[in-house]
Protein backbone atom coordinates (compact mmCIF):
# COMPACT_ATOMS: atom_id res chain seq x y z
CA MET A 1 -55.35 53.07 43.35
CA ARG A 2 -52.64 51.95 40.56
CA TYR A 3 -53.64 52.12 37.13
CA ARG A 4 -52.78 50.07 33.77
CA SER A 5 -52.80 51.19 30.00
CA PHE A 6 -54.91 50.40 27.19
CA PRO A 7 -52.58 48.86 24.72
CA GLY A 8 -52.48 51.42 21.23
CA THR A 9 -54.56 54.00 23.43
CA ASP A 10 -53.92 56.52 25.38
CA LEU A 11 -56.56 55.34 28.00
CA GLU A 12 -55.06 55.18 31.22
CA VAL A 13 -57.56 52.84 33.72
CA SER A 14 -58.33 52.07 37.05
CA GLU A 15 -57.12 48.30 38.24
CA VAL A 16 -60.93 48.13 39.66
CA GLY A 17 -63.30 49.44 37.71
CA PHE A 18 -66.95 50.39 38.10
CA GLY A 19 -69.80 48.13 36.24
CA VAL A 20 -72.64 50.64 36.33
CA TRP A 21 -75.51 47.45 35.79
CA SER A 22 -75.31 47.15 39.67
CA VAL A 23 -76.48 50.61 40.16
CA ALA A 24 -78.65 51.40 36.73
CA THR A 25 -80.97 48.16 36.98
CA THR A 26 -81.95 46.81 39.40
CA TRP A 27 -80.89 42.52 39.04
CA TRP A 28 -78.58 43.55 41.59
CA GLY A 29 -80.66 44.72 43.93
CA VAL A 30 -79.78 48.72 43.83
CA ARG A 31 -83.06 50.60 43.42
CA ASP A 32 -82.26 53.66 45.11
CA ARG A 33 -81.10 56.21 42.88
CA GLN A 34 -80.40 58.65 45.40
CA LEU A 35 -77.55 55.70 46.99
CA ALA A 36 -76.60 55.31 42.50
CA ARG A 37 -74.98 58.71 42.71
CA ARG A 38 -73.88 58.56 46.02
CA LEU A 39 -71.73 55.49 44.83
CA LEU A 40 -70.86 56.59 41.43
CA ALA A 41 -69.51 59.87 43.32
CA GLU A 42 -67.66 58.36 46.14
CA ALA A 43 -65.88 56.16 43.20
CA LEU A 44 -64.18 58.80 41.97
CA ASP A 45 -63.43 60.08 45.00
CA LEU A 46 -61.16 56.71 45.87
CA GLY A 47 -59.99 57.05 42.13
CA ILE A 48 -61.30 55.04 39.88
CA ASN A 49 -62.50 55.56 36.81
CA PHE A 50 -63.45 53.06 34.95
CA TYR A 51 -66.68 53.21 34.24
CA ASP A 52 -68.48 50.48 32.11
CA THR A 53 -72.30 51.16 31.38
CA ALA A 54 -74.37 50.78 28.10
CA ASP A 55 -77.48 52.02 26.54
CA VAL A 56 -79.79 48.88 27.39
CA TYR A 57 -78.72 49.42 31.04
CA GLY A 58 -82.33 50.18 32.18
CA GLN A 59 -83.43 51.98 29.28
CA GLY A 60 -80.18 54.39 29.19
CA GLU A 61 -80.91 55.30 32.81
CA GLY A 62 -77.23 53.89 33.19
CA GLU A 63 -75.67 56.90 30.98
CA THR A 64 -78.27 59.76 31.88
CA LEU A 65 -76.52 58.67 35.72
CA LEU A 66 -73.04 59.09 34.52
CA ALA A 67 -74.24 62.05 32.87
CA GLU A 68 -75.98 63.16 36.35
CA VAL A 69 -72.77 62.58 38.73
CA PHE A 70 -70.29 63.15 36.36
CA GLY A 71 -71.12 66.47 34.47
CA ASP A 72 -69.02 68.45 35.06
CA ARG A 73 -66.25 65.99 36.40
CA ARG A 74 -66.04 64.99 32.52
CA ALA A 75 -62.18 64.62 31.84
CA GLU A 76 -61.63 62.50 35.34
CA VAL A 77 -63.24 59.72 33.76
CA ILE A 78 -62.96 56.66 30.90
CA ILE A 79 -66.41 56.41 29.97
CA ALA A 80 -67.20 53.27 28.48
CA SER A 81 -70.60 52.47 26.52
CA LYS A 82 -71.72 49.64 24.32
CA PHE A 83 -74.67 49.25 22.04
CA GLY A 84 -76.17 46.72 19.56
CA TYR A 85 -78.77 45.96 21.27
CA ASP A 86 -82.99 47.53 19.66
CA ILE A 87 -83.78 49.61 22.62
CA TYR A 88 -85.46 51.53 19.90
CA GLY A 89 -87.45 49.70 18.21
CA HIS A 90 -88.49 48.03 21.49
CA PRO A 91 -89.26 51.14 24.50
CA GLY A 92 -90.31 50.55 27.71
CA PRO A 93 -88.45 48.57 30.78
CA ARG A 94 -87.58 45.26 30.20
CA THR A 95 -89.11 42.58 31.84
CA GLY A 96 -86.77 39.73 33.09
CA HIS A 97 -83.41 38.79 31.63
CA GLY A 98 -84.29 37.66 27.76
CA GLU A 99 -82.48 39.37 24.62
CA LEU A 100 -83.85 42.75 23.54
CA PRO A 101 -83.31 41.77 19.36
CA GLN A 102 -80.19 42.94 17.80
CA ASP A 103 -79.38 45.26 14.77
CA TRP A 104 -75.61 45.51 13.98
CA SER A 105 -76.20 48.05 10.68
CA ALA A 106 -74.49 51.69 10.17
CA GLN A 107 -77.67 53.08 10.16
CA HIS A 108 -78.41 52.06 14.27
CA LEU A 109 -75.13 51.72 15.08
CA ARG A 110 -75.19 55.76 14.67
CA ARG A 111 -78.05 56.18 15.43
CA ALA A 112 -77.41 54.06 19.64
CA VAL A 113 -73.80 56.54 19.38
CA GLU A 114 -76.22 59.56 19.30
CA GLY A 115 -78.53 58.53 21.51
CA SER A 116 -75.63 57.53 24.04
CA LEU A 117 -73.94 60.73 23.29
CA ARG A 118 -76.92 62.83 24.62
CA ARG A 119 -77.93 60.87 27.63
CA LEU A 120 -74.03 61.07 28.50
CA ARG A 121 -74.52 64.47 27.74
CA THR A 122 -70.71 64.40 26.56
CA ASP A 123 -69.64 64.68 22.82
CA TYR A 124 -67.47 62.07 23.24
CA LEU A 125 -67.14 58.22 24.33
CA ASP A 126 -63.07 56.85 25.60
CA LEU A 127 -64.77 53.20 24.64
CA TYR A 128 -67.25 52.11 22.45
CA GLN A 129 -68.38 48.69 22.68
CA LEU A 130 -70.12 45.65 20.34
CA HIS A 131 -72.90 44.20 23.59
CA ASN A 132 -72.92 40.66 23.04
CA PRO A 133 -72.48 40.34 19.30
CA ARG A 134 -72.21 36.91 17.42
CA LEU A 135 -70.07 36.28 15.10
CA GLU A 136 -72.48 38.30 11.99
CA ALA A 137 -71.09 41.46 13.90
CA ILE A 138 -67.24 40.65 14.24
CA THR A 139 -67.03 40.18 10.76
CA SER A 140 -69.16 43.06 9.74
CA ASP A 141 -67.15 45.16 7.08
CA GLU A 142 -70.12 47.73 7.11
CA LEU A 143 -70.00 48.06 11.01
CA TRP A 144 -66.38 48.38 11.28
CA GLN A 145 -65.78 51.30 8.66
CA GLU A 146 -69.24 52.37 10.42
CA LEU A 147 -67.51 52.43 13.23
CA GLY A 148 -63.67 53.84 11.65
CA ARG A 149 -65.65 57.20 11.22
CA LEU A 150 -67.12 57.56 14.48
CA ARG A 151 -62.99 57.76 15.70
CA GLN A 152 -62.21 59.56 12.43
CA GLU A 153 -64.91 61.99 13.84
CA GLY A 154 -63.74 62.02 17.36
CA LYS A 155 -67.09 60.29 18.00
CA ILE A 156 -65.29 57.60 20.35
CA ARG A 157 -61.45 56.80 21.03
CA ALA A 158 -61.39 53.47 21.17
CA THR A 159 -63.78 49.94 20.15
CA GLY A 160 -64.06 47.15 22.40
CA LEU A 161 -66.34 43.85 22.68
CA ALA A 162 -68.27 42.70 25.81
CA LEU A 163 -68.19 39.25 25.61
CA GLY A 164 -71.62 37.68 26.56
CA PRO A 165 -72.60 33.56 28.00
CA ASP A 166 -74.78 31.64 26.77
CA ILE A 167 -74.81 32.96 23.65
CA GLY A 168 -71.76 33.14 21.65
CA TRP A 169 -68.28 34.14 23.51
CA ARG A 170 -65.44 32.24 22.85
CA GLU A 171 -65.22 31.16 19.02
CA GLU A 172 -66.48 35.20 19.53
CA GLY A 173 -63.91 35.99 21.08
CA LEU A 174 -60.74 34.70 19.49
CA ARG A 175 -62.21 35.51 15.72
CA ALA A 176 -62.11 39.18 17.40
CA VAL A 177 -59.14 38.87 18.52
CA ARG A 178 -57.36 37.37 15.68
CA ASP A 179 -58.78 39.78 13.31
CA GLY A 180 -57.20 42.80 15.85
CA ARG A 181 -60.17 44.97 14.77
CA ALA A 182 -60.56 45.87 18.78
CA ASP A 183 -58.83 47.88 20.68
CA MET A 184 -60.29 46.29 23.66
CA VAL A 185 -62.15 42.81 24.68
CA GLN A 186 -64.50 42.21 28.31
CA VAL A 187 -64.95 38.89 29.46
CA ILE A 188 -66.02 37.48 32.15
CA TYR A 189 -63.20 35.15 34.37
CA ASN A 190 -62.82 34.81 38.60
CA ALA A 191 -61.67 31.96 40.00
CA ILE A 192 -64.75 29.31 39.59
CA GLU A 193 -65.72 30.69 36.42
CA ARG A 194 -61.81 30.58 34.18
CA ASP A 195 -62.80 28.76 30.39
CA PRO A 196 -63.16 29.68 28.33
CA ALA A 197 -62.05 33.22 29.72
CA GLU A 198 -58.32 32.09 29.78
CA GLU A 199 -58.43 31.09 26.26
CA ILE A 200 -59.41 34.64 24.74
CA LEU A 201 -56.95 36.64 27.99
CA ALA A 202 -54.06 34.71 26.14
CA ALA A 203 -55.09 35.63 22.82
CA CYS A 204 -54.80 39.36 24.01
CA GLN A 205 -51.77 39.29 25.45
CA GLU A 206 -50.51 37.10 22.53
CA ARG A 207 -51.83 40.56 20.59
CA GLY A 208 -51.45 42.87 23.05
CA ILE A 209 -54.67 43.72 23.01
CA ALA A 210 -56.29 45.07 26.51
CA ALA A 211 -58.98 42.73 28.18
CA ALA A 212 -61.78 44.20 30.76
CA ALA A 213 -62.86 41.68 33.58
CA ARG A 214 -66.16 41.44 34.84
CA VAL A 215 -68.34 39.18 37.26
CA PRO A 216 -65.16 38.58 39.02
CA HIS A 217 -67.21 37.51 42.08
CA ALA A 218 -69.03 34.75 39.90
CA SER A 219 -72.63 36.27 41.09
CA GLY A 220 -71.81 36.33 44.71
CA ILE A 221 -70.01 33.44 45.26
CA LEU A 222 -66.46 35.15 46.53
CA ASP A 223 -67.59 38.43 48.60
CA GLY A 224 -69.64 36.90 50.98
CA SER A 225 -73.00 38.27 49.24
CA TYR A 226 -74.68 35.09 47.77
CA ASP A 227 -77.01 33.06 50.41
CA PRO A 228 -77.73 29.38 49.23
CA GLU A 229 -80.51 29.91 52.07
CA ARG A 230 -82.20 32.87 50.43
CA HIS A 231 -84.29 33.27 47.99
CA PHE A 232 -83.76 35.92 45.15
CA GLU A 233 -86.84 37.97 43.82
CA ARG A 234 -87.15 36.92 39.81
CA SER A 235 -85.12 40.20 39.19
CA ASP A 236 -82.14 39.82 40.74
CA HIS A 237 -79.56 37.85 38.45
CA ARG A 238 -78.82 35.23 41.22
CA SER A 239 -82.28 33.87 41.21
CA HIS A 240 -80.91 32.45 37.41
CA ARG A 241 -78.06 31.00 37.76
CA PRO A 242 -78.88 27.11 38.40
CA ARG A 243 -78.73 25.78 42.26
CA PRO A 244 -76.27 23.27 42.07
CA TRP A 245 -74.34 25.05 39.50
CA MET A 246 -74.02 27.76 42.67
CA GLN A 247 -72.86 24.86 45.18
CA ALA A 248 -70.63 23.12 43.16
CA GLY A 249 -68.69 27.30 43.28
CA LEU A 250 -69.68 27.58 46.74
CA ALA A 251 -67.32 24.24 47.38
CA VAL A 252 -64.35 25.31 45.23
CA ARG A 253 -64.57 28.96 47.74
CA ASP A 254 -64.39 26.85 50.50
CA ALA A 255 -61.03 24.80 48.61
CA LEU A 256 -59.36 28.11 47.67
CA PRO A 257 -55.96 29.28 49.41
CA LEU A 258 -57.78 32.85 49.51
CA GLY A 259 -58.07 34.06 53.35
CA ASP A 260 -56.37 35.96 55.30
CA ARG A 261 -53.19 37.53 54.43
CA GLY A 262 -54.59 40.95 55.35
CA ARG A 263 -57.27 40.94 52.57
CA THR A 264 -61.07 39.67 52.24
CA LEU A 265 -61.91 36.74 49.64
CA GLY A 266 -63.81 39.86 47.96
CA GLN A 267 -60.51 41.38 47.47
CA ALA A 268 -58.32 38.46 46.79
CA ALA A 269 -60.66 37.84 43.83
CA ILE A 270 -59.96 41.14 41.63
CA LEU A 271 -56.49 40.28 42.91
CA LEU A 272 -57.03 36.44 41.14
CA CYS A 273 -58.28 38.65 38.02
CA LEU A 274 -55.36 41.58 37.99
CA ALA A 275 -52.82 38.61 38.21
CA ASN A 276 -53.67 37.88 34.68
CA PRO A 277 -51.37 40.28 32.34
CA ALA A 278 -54.13 41.00 30.05
CA VAL A 279 -56.50 42.13 32.48
CA ALA A 280 -56.05 45.96 32.33
CA SER A 281 -59.03 46.37 34.55
CA VAL A 282 -61.56 44.56 36.70
CA LEU A 283 -65.87 45.23 37.49
CA PRO A 284 -66.79 43.96 40.04
CA ASN A 285 -70.73 45.02 40.85
CA ILE A 286 -70.96 47.42 43.39
CA THR A 287 -74.04 47.60 45.81
CA SER A 288 -73.31 49.25 48.83
CA PRO A 289 -70.78 51.93 50.58
CA GLU A 290 -69.15 48.60 52.05
CA ASN A 291 -68.35 46.56 49.46
CA LEU A 292 -67.22 49.91 47.07
CA ARG A 293 -64.32 50.89 49.67
CA GLU A 294 -63.69 46.99 50.01
CA PHE A 295 -63.45 46.31 46.28
CA ALA A 296 -61.43 49.93 45.26
CA ALA A 297 -58.88 48.75 47.92
CA ALA A 298 -57.85 45.68 46.45
CA GLY A 299 -56.80 48.42 43.62
CA GLU A 300 -53.82 49.15 46.68
CA LEU A 301 -53.06 45.59 48.08
CA PRO A 302 -50.15 43.23 47.12
CA ALA A 303 -49.84 41.26 44.27
CA LEU A 304 -51.45 37.51 45.00
CA ALA A 305 -48.18 34.93 45.21
CA THR A 306 -47.06 32.38 42.72
CA GLU A 307 -47.52 29.27 44.90
CA GLU A 308 -51.51 31.04 45.08
CA LEU A 309 -52.63 30.91 42.23
CA GLU A 310 -51.72 27.94 41.30
CA GLN A 311 -53.27 25.83 44.14
CA CYS A 312 -55.93 28.12 42.88
CA ARG A 313 -55.89 26.67 39.10
CA ARG A 314 -55.21 23.20 40.84
CA VAL A 315 -58.63 23.45 42.94
CA TRP A 316 -60.71 25.27 40.19
CA SER A 317 -59.50 21.93 38.13
CA GLN A 318 -60.32 18.66 40.86
CA HIS A 319 -64.16 20.91 40.82
CA ARG A 320 -64.66 21.90 36.95
CA ALA A 321 -66.60 19.12 35.35
CA ALA A 322 -69.07 20.19 38.14
CA LEU A 323 -69.06 23.94 37.20
CA GLU A 324 -69.74 22.98 32.64
CA GLN A 325 -73.29 24.07 33.55
CA PRO A 326 -74.53 26.85 31.65
CA TRP A 327 -75.29 30.57 32.44
CA SER A 328 -78.72 30.38 32.95
CA ASP A 329 -81.84 27.96 34.12
CA SER A 330 -83.48 26.80 30.67
CA ASN A 331 -86.31 25.90 32.61
CA ASN A 332 -86.69 29.38 34.13
CA LYS A 333 -87.11 31.26 30.44
CA PRO A 334 -86.71 30.34 26.90
CA THR A 335 -84.43 33.21 25.74
CA PRO A 336 -80.45 33.52 26.31
CA VAL A 337 -79.88 35.71 29.23
CA ALA A 338 -77.73 39.23 28.87
CA ARG A 339 -75.55 39.45 31.15
CA GLY A 340 -73.69 42.91 31.67
C-alpha cells in the first residue's frame, strides 16, 4: 500500500481508504455486523489506514463499529467523521434515502463532535467534515470559528467538506476551496462521473488542498457488481439511480481501455482516480472480503499510462450528454438524496 499526505497537515493516508457507509448501513446490502467487523479489521492488516464515516451512518453505527474494531489500535488509523445532520432531533433508524434536517449552529457542532468522540471511544478526530454542506454552512463565520476552537482544544486535527450530489456541490466546492478554510474536500469522482469533480479537484490542486474521491466504481458499474437485469431492494443505493443513466454508464464502461494488463476493471477505476494529482485517497464501497482484497491491491499496482487516461477522457466526452442526468430518480421520492 502506498500513502499520500494531506498538504498543511501531518495526516498521511493510504491511497485506498475505506468508506464505512457500505458496512454501517444497508444501502449497499451489507446487513451482517460480524462481516462488517471482519472487513474493517482485515482492511487495516492490508495497509488501509484511512476510514471515512459519519454520525448519520446508521445513527452512529458507523462510529461505534470503528470503536469496536480499532479500540486498541487507535494510533494506527486515521478516522474521518462528518457532521451537519440533526440525528439528535430525529432519533431512530432512517427509512429510505431522504435527507434529515441540517443544523450548522455552533451549538449543534459542539454536540455533534462530543457525540462522535463518545461513540468512537476516542478523544480526538483526525478529520472532521461538513456533511453535504450548502453555502450557508461554508460561509458561516460562527461555524468555522467553532471548528477552530475544537482544533485548539485538540478534539479535531483537520477539517474538511464532503460534498454531495443533487443537493449542491459545484458552487459549494469551488467556494470552499477559494476560501481556503478546509484542509480537505471529498467529491464523487470516477471514469463516468467526472463533472463537476474535475473542476473542484483542479481548484484543490491550485490551492494545495487535499481531496478524496468516493464512489470510484460508479454505483457498481465499474466493479462488475451492477447487473441491469437484477432487481435491487428499495433500501439499496443502486435502486435510486435512473435506469437510463445506468445504461449510459454501461456503454462508457464497455468502451473504456482499462481491461487486462494484469489488473481488474475495479482496480483500474481506482487508479484512474489516483491519477488526479489532487486526490490523496480513494474510498471504494467495500462489501466483501473478495472486493476488499481486490481494491486494496490497487494501491500496489503501476499508475495508468498517459495514453490510457487520454482515451478514458475521450470515451467520457463522447457519452457526456447521455450522462448529464441527476443522481437519483425524482419519481422515486420527493426529497434530495444524501449519498455518502
